[in-house]
Amino acid sequence: MVTSIILITTERTKINDVAEKLAEMDGISEVYSVSGSYDLIAIARVKSNDDLANLVTNRLLSIDHILKSETTLAFKAFSRHDLESMFNVGM
């Protein structure tokens, strides 16, 4: 499984529209509206690097009003949430 964080800048009046389209897209597991330099952060979880390349270079292009994106590749997860779920089995 390949996990990627995609930082997205959109047209200001289209943030919600873009977020909804991203959330419906296969391979995108979560979309967050955020403050700061970007408008949205999308979490992509796909089977392979080729699937990620297709998602970013082909499928994201089908969404109007995305002005800029920056894709980062996650190497390893350090998540308190994941650790807690491992120890809470059966609770």
PDB file of N, CA and C in Angstrom:
ATOM      1  N   MET A   1       0.853  -1.178   0.000  1.00  0.00           N
ATOM      2  CA  MET A   1       0.000   0.000   0.000  1.00  0.00           C
ATOM      3  C   MET A   1       0.896   1.238   0.000  1.00  0.00           C
ATOM      4  N   VAL A   2       0.600   2.150  -0.886  1.00  0.00           N
ATOM      5  CA  VAL A   2       1.320   3.422  -0.990  1.00  0.00           C
ATOM      6  C   VAL A   2       0.420   4.513  -0.422  1.00  0.00           C
ATOM      7  N   THR A   3       0.944   5.270   0.536  1.00  0.00           N
ATOM      8  CA  THR A   3       0.209   6.381   1.123  1.00  0.00           C
ATOM      9  C   THR A   3       0.885   7.680   0.725  1.00  0.00           C
ATOM     10  N   SER A   4       0.063   8.634   0.320  1.00  0.00           N
ATOM     11  CA  SER A   4       0.582   9.918  -0.118  1.00  0.00           C
ATOM     12  C   SER A   4      -0.281  11.038   0.450  1.00  0.00           C
ATOM     13  N   ILE A   5       0.353  12.154   0.736  1.00  0.00           N
ATOM     14  CA  ILE A   5      -0.341  13.353   1.190  1.00  0.00           C
ATOM     15  C   ILE A   5      -0.272  14.354   0.048  1.00  0.00           C
ATOM     16  N   ILE A   6      -1.448  14.822  -0.386  1.00  0.00           N
ATOM     17  CA  ILE A   6      -1.512  15.740  -1.516  1.00  0.00           C
ATOM     18  C   ILE A   6      -2.004  17.094  -1.001  1.00  0.00           C
ATOM     19  N   LEU A   7      -1.151  18.107  -1.133  1.00  0.00           N
ATOM     20  CA  LEU A   7      -1.457  19.466  -0.698  1.00  0.00           C
ATOM     21  C   LEU A   7      -2.010  20.219  -1.894  1.00  0.00           C
ATOM     22  N   ILE A   8      -3.177  20.842  -1.724  1.00  0.00           N
ATOM     23  CA  ILE A   8      -3.896  21.391  -2.872  1.00  0.00           C
ATOM     24  C   ILE A   8      -4.305  22.840  -2.643  1.00  0.00           C
ATOM     25  N   THR A   9      -4.067  23.660  -3.650  1.00  0.00           N
ATOM     26  CA  THR A   9      -4.561  25.034  -3.686  1.00  0.00           C
ATOM     27  C   THR A   9      -5.661  25.091  -4.738  1.00  0.00           C
ATOM     28  N   THR A  10      -6.791  25.691  -4.372  1.00  0.00           N
ATOM     29  CA  THR A  10      -7.935  25.779  -5.278  1.00  0.00           C
ATOM     30  C   THR A  10      -8.348  27.233  -5.458  1.00  0.00           C
ATOM     31  N   GLU A  11      -9.253  27.446  -6.401  1.00  0.00           N
ATOM     32  CA  GLU A  11      -9.905  28.752  -6.465  1.00  0.00           C
ATOM     33  C   GLU A  11     -10.691  28.921  -5.176  1.00  0.00           C
ATOM     34  N   ARG A  12     -10.606  30.094  -4.584  1.00  0.00           N
ATOM     35  CA  ARG A  12     -11.165  30.334  -3.238  1.00  0.00           C
ATOM     36  C   ARG A  12     -12.643  29.991  -3.112  1.00  0.00           C
ATOM     37  N   THR A  13     -13.417  30.240  -4.136  1.00  0.00           N
ATOM     38  CA  THR A  13     -14.859  29.998  -4.043  1.00  0.00           C
ATOM     39  C   THR A  13     -15.234  28.551  -4.372  1.00  0.00           C
ATOM     40  N   LYS A  14     -14.257  27.722  -4.692  1.00  0.00           N
ATOM     41  CA  LYS A  14     -14.531  26.349  -5.124  1.00  0.00           C
ATOM     42  C   LYS A  14     -13.941  25.286  -4.195  1.00  0.00           C
ATOM     43  N   ILE A  15     -13.511  25.689  -3.008  1.00  0.00           N
ATOM     44  CA  ILE A  15     -12.875  24.748  -2.083  1.00  0.00           C
ATOM     45  C   ILE A  15     -13.794  23.564  -1.784  1.00  0.00           C
ATOM     46  N   ASN A  16     -15.037  23.827  -1.429  1.00  0.00           N
ATOM     47  CA  ASN A  16     -15.958  22.744  -1.077  1.00  0.00           C
ATOM     48  C   ASN A  16     -16.265  21.848  -2.268  1.00  0.00           C
ATOM     49  N   ASP A  17     -16.421  22.440  -3.442  1.00  0.00           N
ATOM     50  CA  ASP A  17     -16.690  21.645  -4.653  1.00  0.00           C
ATOM     51  C   ASP A  17     -15.536  20.691  -4.946  1.00  0.00           C
ATOM     52  N   VAL A  18     -14.329  21.206  -4.878  1.00  0.00           N
ATOM     53  CA  VAL A  18     -13.152  20.379  -5.141  1.00  0.00           C
ATOM     54  C   VAL A  18     -13.035  19.289  -4.078  1.00  0.00           C
ATOM     55  N   ALA A  19     -13.258  19.639  -2.821  1.00  0.00           N
ATOM     56  CA  ALA A  19     -13.170  18.657  -1.732  1.00  0.00           C
ATOM     57  C   ALA A  19     -14.160  17.513  -1.933  1.00  0.00           C
ATOM     58  N   GLU A  20     -15.369  17.836  -2.329  1.00  0.00           N
ATOM     59  CA  GLU A  20     -16.381  16.800  -2.553  1.00  0.00           C
ATOM     60  C   GLU A  20     -15.996  15.881  -3.707  1.00  0.00           C
ATOM     61  N   LYS A  21     -15.464  16.443  -4.774  1.00  0.00           N
ATOM     62  CA  LYS A  21     -15.045  15.625  -5.922  1.00  0.00           C
ATOM     63  C   LYS A  21     -13.867  14.725  -5.547  1.00  0.00           C
ATOM     64  N   LEU A  22     -12.944  15.262  -4.778  1.00  0.00           N
ATOM     65  CA  LEU A  22     -11.813  14.456  -4.321  1.00  0.00           C
ATOM     66  C   LEU A  22     -12.284  13.309  -3.432  1.00  0.00           C
ATOM     67  N   ALA A  23     -13.190  13.595  -2.505  1.00  0.00           N
ATOM     68  CA  ALA A  23     -13.671  12.590  -1.562  1.00  0.00           C
ATOM     69  C   ALA A  23     -14.373  11.427  -2.265  1.00  0.00           C
ATOM     70  N   GLU A  24     -14.954  11.682  -3.429  1.00  0.00           N
ATOM     71  CA  GLU A  24     -15.646  10.639  -4.191  1.00  0.00           C
ATOM     72  C   GLU A  24     -14.683   9.792  -5.032  1.00  0.00           C
ATOM     73  N   MET A  25     -13.451  10.227  -5.167  1.00  0.00           N
ATOM     74  CA  MET A  25     -12.501   9.590  -6.069  1.00  0.00           C
ATOM     75  C   MET A  25     -11.890   8.336  -5.439  1.00  0.00           C
ATOM     76  N   ASP A  26     -11.861   7.233  -6.194  1.00  0.00           N
ATOM     77  CA  ASP A  26     -11.194   6.022  -5.730  1.00  0.00           C
ATOM     78  C   ASP A  26      -9.720   6.324  -5.486  1.00  0.00           C
ATOM     79  N   GLY A  27      -9.214   5.846  -4.371  1.00  0.00           N
ATOM     80  CA  GLY A  27      -7.819   6.077  -4.012  1.00  0.00           C
ATOM     81  C   GLY A  27      -7.631   7.210  -3.028  1.00  0.00           C
ATOM     82  N   ILE A  28      -8.614   8.080  -2.898  1.00  0.00           N
ATOM     83  CA  ILE A  28      -8.562   9.161  -1.907  1.00  0.00           C
ATOM     84  C   ILE A  28      -9.350   8.702  -0.689  1.00  0.00           C
ATOM     85  N   SER A  29      -8.664   8.562   0.451  1.00  0.00           N
ATOM     86  CA  SER A  29      -9.341   8.060   1.646  1.00  0.00           C
ATOM     87  C   SER A  29      -9.891   9.170   2.531  1.00  0.00           C
ATOM     88  N   GLU A  30      -9.256  10.339   2.496  1.00  0.00           N
ATOM     89  CA  GLU A  30      -9.685  11.453   3.342  1.00  0.00           C
ATOM     90  C   GLU A  30      -9.354  12.762   2.649  1.00  0.00           C
ATOM     91  N   VAL A  31     -10.174  13.775   2.923  1.00  0.00           N
ATOM     92  CA  VAL A  31      -9.914  15.134   2.442  1.00  0.00           C
ATOM     93  C   VAL A  31     -10.186  16.086   3.600  1.00  0.00           C
ATOM     94  N   TYR A  32      -9.254  16.980   3.838  1.00  0.00           N
ATOM     95  CA  TYR A  32      -9.381  17.961   4.920  1.00  0.00           C
ATOM     96  C   TYR A  32      -9.294  19.371   4.343  1.00  0.00           C
ATOM     97  N   SER A  33     -10.185  20.253   4.773  1.00  0.00           N
ATOM     98  CA  SER A  33      -9.991  21.673   4.503  1.00  0.00           C
ATOM     99  C   SER A  33      -9.103  22.189   5.630  1.00  0.00           C
ATOM    100  N   VAL A  34      -8.125  23.007   5.284  1.00  0.00           N
ATOM    101  CA  VAL A  34      -7.113  23.413   6.257  1.00  0.00           C
ATOM    102  C   VAL A  34      -6.822  24.906   6.160  1.00  0.00           C
ATOM    103  N   SER A  35      -6.178  25.416   7.193  1.00  0.00           N
ATOM    104  CA  SER A  35      -5.696  26.794   7.149  1.00  0.00           C
ATOM    105  C   SER A  35      -4.242  26.773   6.699  1.00  0.00           C
ATOM    106  N   GLY A  36      -3.733  27.926   6.320  1.00  0.00           N
ATOM    107  CA  GLY A  36      -2.330  28.006   5.933  1.00  0.00           C
ATOM    108  C   GLY A  36      -2.151  28.209   4.442  1.00  0.00           C
ATOM    109  N   SER A  37      -1.059  27.713   3.928  1.00  0.00           N
ATOM    110  CA  SER A  37      -0.678  27.939   2.527  1.00  0.00           C
ATOM    111  C   SER A  37      -1.513  27.155   1.530  1.00  0.00           C
ATOM    112  N   TYR A  38      -2.184  26.108   1.988  1.00  0.00           N
ATOM    113  CA  TYR A  38      -2.988  25.267   1.104  1.00  0.00           C
ATOM    114  C   TYR A  38      -4.445  25.317   1.546  1.00  0.00           C
ATOM    115  N   ASP A  39      -5.328  24.951   0.648  1.00  0.00           N
ATOM    116  CA  ASP A  39      -6.760  24.947   0.953  1.00  0.00           C
ATOM    117  C   ASP A  39      -7.251  23.573   1.391  1.00  0.00           C
ATOM    118  N   LEU A  40      -6.680  22.528   0.790  1.00  0.00           N
ATOM    119  CA  LEU A  40      -7.112  21.159   1.071  1.00  0.00           C
ATOM    120  C   LEU A  40      -5.902  20.251   1.217  1.00  0.00           C
ATOM    121  N   ILE A  41      -6.069  19.226   2.028  1.00  0.00           N
ATOM    122  CA  ILE A  41      -5.099  18.132   2.092  1.00  0.00           C
ATOM    123  C   ILE A  41      -5.866  16.849   1.835  1.00  0.00           C
ATOM    124  N   ALA A  42      -5.413  16.092   0.844  1.00  0.00           N
ATOM    125  CA  ALA A  42      -6.033  14.809   0.521  1.00  0.00           C
ATOM    126  C   ALA A  42      -5.054  13.698   0.867  1.00  0.00           C
ATOM    127  N   ILE A  43      -5.569  12.645   1.472  1.00  0.00           N
ATOM    128  CA  ILE A  43      -4.767  11.472   1.770  1.00  0.00           C
ATOM    129  C   ILE A  43      -5.112  10.410   0.728  1.00  0.00           C
ATOM    130  N   ALA A  44      -4.099   9.987  -0.015  1.00  0.00           N
ATOM    131  CA  ALA A  44      -4.294   8.956  -1.035  1.00  0.00           C
ATOM    132  C   ALA A  44      -3.700   7.652  -0.528  1.00  0.00           C
ATOM    133  N   ARG A  45      -4.455   6.577  -0.694  1.00  0.00           N
ATOM    134  CA  ARG A  45      -3.978   5.232  -0.357  1.00  0.00           C
ATOM    135  C   ARG A  45      -4.274   4.343  -1.560  1.00  0.00           C
ATOM    136  N   VAL A  46      -3.216   3.935  -2.238  1.00  0.00           N
ATOM    137  CA  VAL A  46      -3.344   3.139  -3.468  1.00  0.00           C
ATOM    138  C   VAL A  46      -2.414   1.929  -3.386  1.00  0.00           C
ATOM    139  N   LYS A  47      -2.589   1.002  -4.322  1.00  0.00           N
ATOM    140  CA  LYS A  47      -1.817  -0.247  -4.290  1.00  0.00           C
ATOM    141  C   LYS A  47      -0.364  -0.083  -4.701  1.00  0.00           C
ATOM    142  N   SER A  48      -0.096   0.809  -5.653  1.00  0.00           N
ATOM    143  CA  SER A  48       1.266   0.884  -6.197  1.00  0.00           C
ATOM    144  C   SER A  48       1.638   2.315  -6.565  1.00  0.00           C
ATOM    145  N   ASN A  49       2.922   2.523  -6.835  1.00  0.00           N
ATOM    146  CA  ASN A  49       3.392   3.824  -7.299  1.00  0.00           C
ATOM    147  C   ASN A  49       2.757   4.185  -8.641  1.00  0.00           C
ATOM    148  N   ASP A  50       2.552   3.181  -9.495  1.00  0.00           N
ATOM    149  CA  ASP A  50       1.898   3.440 -10.788  1.00  0.00           C
ATOM    150  C   ASP A  50       0.474   3.945 -10.578  1.00  0.00           C
ATOM    151  N   ASP A  51      -0.233   3.377  -9.597  1.00  0.00           N
ATOM    152  CA  ASP A  51      -1.590   3.844  -9.292  1.00  0.00           C
ATOM    153  C   ASP A  51      -1.564   5.278  -8.785  1.00  0.00           C
ATOM    154  N   LEU A  52      -0.557   5.607  -7.977  1.00  0.00           N
ATOM    155  CA  LEU A  52      -0.424   6.977  -7.474  1.00  0.00           C
ATOM    156  C   LEU A  52      -0.124   7.930  -8.628  1.00  0.00           C
ATOM    157  N   ALA A  53       0.764   7.525  -9.520  1.00  0.00           N
ATOM    158  CA  ALA A  53       1.097   8.365 -10.675  1.00  0.00           C
ATOM    159  C   ALA A  53      -0.144   8.629 -11.521  1.00  0.00           C
ATOM    160  N   ASN A  54      -0.953   7.616 -11.730  1.00  0.00           N
ATOM    161  CA  ASN A  54      -2.190   7.778 -12.499  1.00  0.00           C
ATOM    162  C   ASN A  54      -3.160   8.714 -11.779  1.00  0.00           C
ATOM    163  N   LEU A  55      -3.285   8.538 -10.478  1.00  0.00           N
ATOM    164  CA  LEU A  55      -4.183   9.388  -9.693  1.00  0.00           C
ATOM    165  C   LEU A  55      -3.778  10.853  -9.789  1.00  0.00           C
ATOM    166  N   VAL A  56      -2.497  11.121  -9.597  1.00  0.00           N
ATOM    167  CA  VAL A  56      -2.014  12.504  -9.536  1.00  0.00           C
ATOM    168  C   VAL A  56      -1.910  13.145 -10.923  1.00  0.00           C
ATOM    169  N   THR A  57      -1.393  12.415 -11.894  1.00  0.00           N
ATOM    170  CA  THR A  57      -1.125  13.041 -13.187  1.00  0.00           C
ATOM    171  C   THR A  57      -2.274  12.931 -14.176  1.00  0.00           C
ATOM    172  N   ASN A  58      -3.231  12.062 -13.924  1.00  0.00           N
ATOM    173  CA  ASN A  58      -4.374  11.930 -14.835  1.00  0.00           C
ATOM    174  C   ASN A  58      -5.706  12.272 -14.179  1.00  0.00           C
ATOM    175  N   ARG A  59      -6.019  11.600 -13.094  1.00  0.00           N
ATOM    176  CA  ARG A  59      -7.361  11.748 -12.524  1.00  0.00           C
ATOM    177  C   ARG A  59      -7.579  13.081 -11.817  1.00  0.00           C
ATOM    178  N   LEU A  60      -6.558  13.604 -11.139  1.00  0.00           N
ATOM    179  CA  LEU A  60      -6.721  14.914 -10.504  1.00  0.00           C
ATOM    180  C   LEU A  60      -6.926  16.012 -11.544  1.00  0.00           C
ATOM    181  N   LEU A  61      -6.392  15.823 -12.735  1.00  0.00           N
ATOM    182  CA  LEU A  61      -6.572  16.807 -13.804  1.00  0.00           C
ATOM    183  C   LEU A  61      -8.025  16.934 -14.241  1.00  0.00           C
ATOM    184  N   SER A  62      -8.826  15.914 -13.956  1.00  0.00           N
ATOM    185  CA  SER A  62     -10.237  15.959 -14.348  1.00  0.00           C
ATOM    186  C   SER A  62     -11.067  16.844 -13.421  1.00  0.00           C
ATOM    187  N   ILE A  63     -10.470  17.294 -12.318  1.00  0.00           N
ATOM    188  CA  ILE A  63     -11.181  18.158 -11.373  1.00  0.00           C
ATOM    189  C   ILE A  63     -10.854  19.614 -11.681  1.00  0.00           C
ATOM    190  N   ASP A  64     -11.883  20.365 -12.055  1.00  0.00           N
ATOM    191  CA  ASP A  64     -11.694  21.793 -12.332  1.00  0.00           C
ATOM    192  C   ASP A  64     -11.400  22.549 -11.038  1.00  0.00           C
ATOM    193  N   HIS A  65     -10.752  23.684 -11.163  1.00  0.00           N
ATOM    194  CA  HIS A  65     -10.526  24.658 -10.094  1.00  0.00           C
ATOM    195  C   HIS A  65      -9.365  24.316  -9.158  1.00  0.00           C
ATOM    196  N   ILE A  66      -8.610  23.242  -9.451  1.00  0.00           N
ATOM    197  CA  ILE A  66      -7.364  23.010  -8.723  1.00  0.00           C
ATOM    198  C   ILE A  66      -6.304  23.871  -9.393  1.00  0.00           C
ATOM    199  N   LEU A  67      -5.707  24.776  -8.627  1.00  0.00           N
ATOM    200  CA  LEU A  67      -4.702  25.684  -9.177  1.00  0.00           C
ATOM    201  C   LEU A  67      -3.293  25.118  -9.072  1.00  0.00           C
ATOM    202  N   LYS A  68      -3.045  24.373  -7.985  1.00  0.00           N
ATOM    203  CA  LYS A  68      -1.701  23.864  -7.730  1.00  0.00           C
ATOM    204  C   LYS A  68      -1.811  22.695  -6.769  1.00  0.00           C
ATOM    205  N   SER A  69      -0.908  21.732  -6.923  1.00  0.00           N
ATOM    206  CA  SER A  69      -0.844  20.642  -5.944  1.00  0.00           C
ATOM    207  C   SER A  69       0.609  20.248  -5.718  1.00  0.00           C
ATOM    208  N   GLU A  70       0.846  19.701  -4.559  1.00  0.00           N
ATOM    209  CA  GLU A  70       2.162  19.182  -4.193  1.00  0.00           C
ATOM    210  C   GLU A  70       1.933  17.820  -3.546  1.00  0.00           C
ATOM    211  N   THR A  71       2.574  16.804  -4.086  1.00  0.00           N
ATOM    212  CA  THR A  71       2.368  15.444  -3.613  1.00  0.00           C
ATOM    213  C   THR A  71       3.589  14.975  -2.847  1.00  0.00           C
ATOM    214  N   THR A  72       3.356  14.470  -1.635  1.00  0.00           N
ATOM    215  CA  THR A  72       4.434  13.916  -0.827  1.00  0.00           C
ATOM    216  C   THR A  72       4.155  12.443  -0.601  1.00  0.00           C
ATOM    217  N   LEU A  73       5.196  11.653  -0.525  1.00  0.00           N
ATOM    218  CA  LEU A  73       5.081  10.220  -0.335  1.00  0.00           C
ATOM    219  C   LEU A  73       5.398   9.886   1.117  1.00  0.00           C
ATOM    220  N   ALA A  74       4.514   9.140   1.757  1.00  0.00           N
ATOM    221  CA  ALA A  74       4.726   8.738   3.145  1.00  0.00           C
ATOM    222  C   ALA A  74       5.604   7.489   3.178  1.00  0.00           C
ATOM    223  N   PHE A  75       6.655   7.513   3.981  1.00  0.00           N
ATOM    224  CA  PHE A  75       7.539   6.356   4.111  1.00  0.00           C
ATOM    225  C   PHE A  75       7.095   5.424   5.233  1.00  0.00           C
ATOM    226  N   LYS A  76       6.767   5.999   6.387  1.00  0.00           N
ATOM    227  CA  LYS A  76       6.441   5.201   7.566  1.00  0.00           C
ATOM    228  C   LYS A  76       5.429   5.965   8.410  1.00  0.00           C
ATOM    229  N   ALA A  77       4.477   5.245   8.987  1.00  0.00           N
ATOM    230  CA  ALA A  77       3.456   5.882   9.815  1.00  0.00           C
ATOM    231  C   ALA A  77       3.843   5.800  11.288  1.00  0.00           C
ATOM    232  N   PHE A  78       3.761   6.934  11.946  1.00  0.00           N
ATOM    233  CA  PHE A  78       3.937   7.013  13.389  1.00  0.00           C
ATOM    234  C   PHE A  78       2.641   7.594  13.928  1.00  0.00           C
ATOM    235  N   SER A  79       1.707   6.724  14.244  1.00  0.00           N
ATOM    236  CA  SER A  79       0.375   7.201  14.593  1.00  0.00           C
ATOM    237  C   SER A  79      -0.066   6.664  15.940  1.00  0.00           C
ATOM    238  N   ARG A  80      -0.347   7.537  16.856  1.00  0.00           N
ATOM    239  CA  ARG A  80      -0.876   7.151  18.165  1.00  0.00           C
ATOM    240  C   ARG A  80      -2.198   6.422  17.982  1.00  0.00           C
ATOM    241  N   HIS A  81      -3.009   6.884  17.047  1.00  0.00           N
ATOM    242  CA  HIS A  81      -4.311   6.268  16.778  1.00  0.00           C
ATOM    243  C   HIS A  81      -4.149   4.805  16.393  1.00  0.00           C
ATOM    244  N   ASP A  82      -3.225   4.494  15.517  1.00  0.00           N
ATOM    245  CA  ASP A  82      -3.002   3.112  15.091  1.00  0.00           C
ATOM    246  C   ASP A  82      -2.513   2.249  16.246  1.00  0.00           C
ATOM    247  N   LEU A  83      -1.619   2.783  17.073  1.00  0.00           N
ATOM    248  CA  LEU A  83      -1.113   2.030  18.211  1.00  0.00           C
ATOM    249  C   LEU A  83      -2.219   1.733  19.216  1.00  0.00           C
ATOM    250  N   GLU A  84      -3.074   2.717  19.482  1.00  0.00           N
ATOM    251  CA  GLU A  84      -4.169   2.503  20.416  1.00  0.00           C
ATOM    252  C   GLU A  84      -5.128   1.443  19.910  1.00  0.00           C
ATOM    253  N   SER A  85      -5.414   1.422  18.608  1.00  0.00           N
ATOM    254  CA  SER A  85      -6.336   0.431  18.082  1.00  0.00           C
ATOM    255  C   SER A  85      -5.781  -0.981  18.199  1.00  0.00           C
ATOM    256  N   MET A  86      -4.453  -1.137  18.132  1.00  0.00           N
ATOM    257  CA  MET A  86      -3.851  -2.461  18.279  1.00  0.00           C
ATOM    258  C   MET A  86      -4.052  -2.981  19.687  1.00  0.00           C
ATOM    259  N   PHE A  87      -3.980  -2.108  20.693  1.00  0.00           N
ATOM    260  CA  PHE A  87      -4.082  -2.539  22.073  1.00  0.00           C
ATOM    261  C   PHE A  87      -5.512  -2.597  22.571  1.00  0.00           C
ATOM    262  N   ASN A  88      -6.475  -2.094  21.801  1.00  0.00           N
ATOM    263  CA  ASN A  88      -7.867  -2.090  22.202  1.00  0.00           C
ATOM    264  C   ASN A  88      -8.685  -3.181  21.526  1.00  0.00           C
ATOM    265  N   VAL A  89      -8.047  -4.209  21.038  1.00  0.00           N
ATOM    266  CA  VAL A  89      -8.750  -5.294  20.363  1.00  0.00           C
ATOM    267  C   VAL A  89      -9.705  -5.955  21.355  1.00  0.00           C
ATOM    268  N   GLY A  90     -10.967  -6.037  20.943  1.00  0.00           N
ATOM    269  CA  GLY A  90     -11.961  -6.688  21.778  1.00  0.00           C
ATOM    270  C   GLY A  90     -12.563  -5.825  22.852  1.00  0.00           C
ATOM    271  N   MET A  91     -12.241  -4.563  22.868  1.00  0.00           N
ATOM    272  CA  MET A  91     -12.799  -3.685  23.911  1.00  0.00           C
ATOM    273  C   MET A  91     -13.940  -2.873  23.364  1.00  0.00           C
TER     274      MET A  91
END
